[in-house]
Amino acid sequence: MTTLVRNVSFLAVLCTALVGCGTLSETPATPRHPVARQPSAAASPSPAGMPPTMAPGPGGLTPVFERAPTTTDRAGGKTVALTFDADMTADQGPRAAGGERFDNPALIDTLRRLKVDATVFMTGRWAEEYPDQARAIGNDPRFEVANHSYSHHAFKAPCYGLPALAPGDMAADVRRAFDAFRAAGVRNVVPYFRFPGGCYDDEALRALASAKVTAVQWDVVSGDAFATDADAVAEQVLAGVRPGSLVVMHCTRSAAPVTERAIRRIVPELRERGYRFVKVSELMAAARGA
């Protein structure tokens, strides 16, 4: 089984190099900005009913939320956030028109059936291609929709071969995604953002300041990108999850065909270990109260 996990880890690195999503930054930024490891200083108070956010960093840098340091939630249990990137780049319309499926309704149905709360990081282009699904996800109280950019272009270069945005275009790209969500009728939108490929630096954090979002990273890479073995994906997630973990997976059939099957194993096994599934907003709220 160790060999299997190692193999899927290698596949994840290879595949994310091709698609530029669901991997750690090629050159991770030095965390000179507030992250969840310092919740008392980083968390920003939110009005009642509003999702929590993190306070801006030095010089107004966009804050970055990572795995919370707490081992239990307020109820004394263990929590984990499953997050799903609904990826579609700005130039993939012809592929969708040709029949390629960037959605995964069976995965969403399985999350509903298993009563799993989750956060979907959606690109604006995905919401335009699948407005009915975007609206259904965003209007379901089990889910919250966060921003994964409009174009799925890189916010730092190099980033796995993705075309790069100019710093002056970054905030507009994020706002364009929020506009696409509104046009599709998505309700449960949170002010969180995930960098395509996880690639960012201080220049990107500074460029996004006017968008007023909290960037969200992850600590568990599922390895589901182009994987063909659902058990291997499940093993990688199960081996990596710790209390407060953020798991990155994908909601795209063509790029992540076994994710739904992996979820059918991941969810019951983590529940047997005492985990409760929460949205990113709940993890962030717990960090604020730690």
Foldseek 3Di string as FASTA:
>chain_A
DVVLLVVLVVLLVVLCLAVQAQAAAPDDADPQFDELQQQQQFWDDDPPPAFTATAAGPPLFFAEYEFHPDQAFPVRFFAEAEEAEQDDAPPCPVVVVVPFWSFAVLLVVLCVVLVFAHEYAYALCSCVVCLVVLQVQLVDVSYAYEHAFNGLAACDPPGSPGHHDDLQCRLVRRVSSVVSSVVSNRHRYHQEYEGRSNHDYRSNRNSNSVNPGHYYDFFARQSQFQDDDLVSSLVSRVVGDGGRGYYYHYRTCVGRVNPSVNCVVNVVVVVVVRYGYDYVSSSSVRSNVD
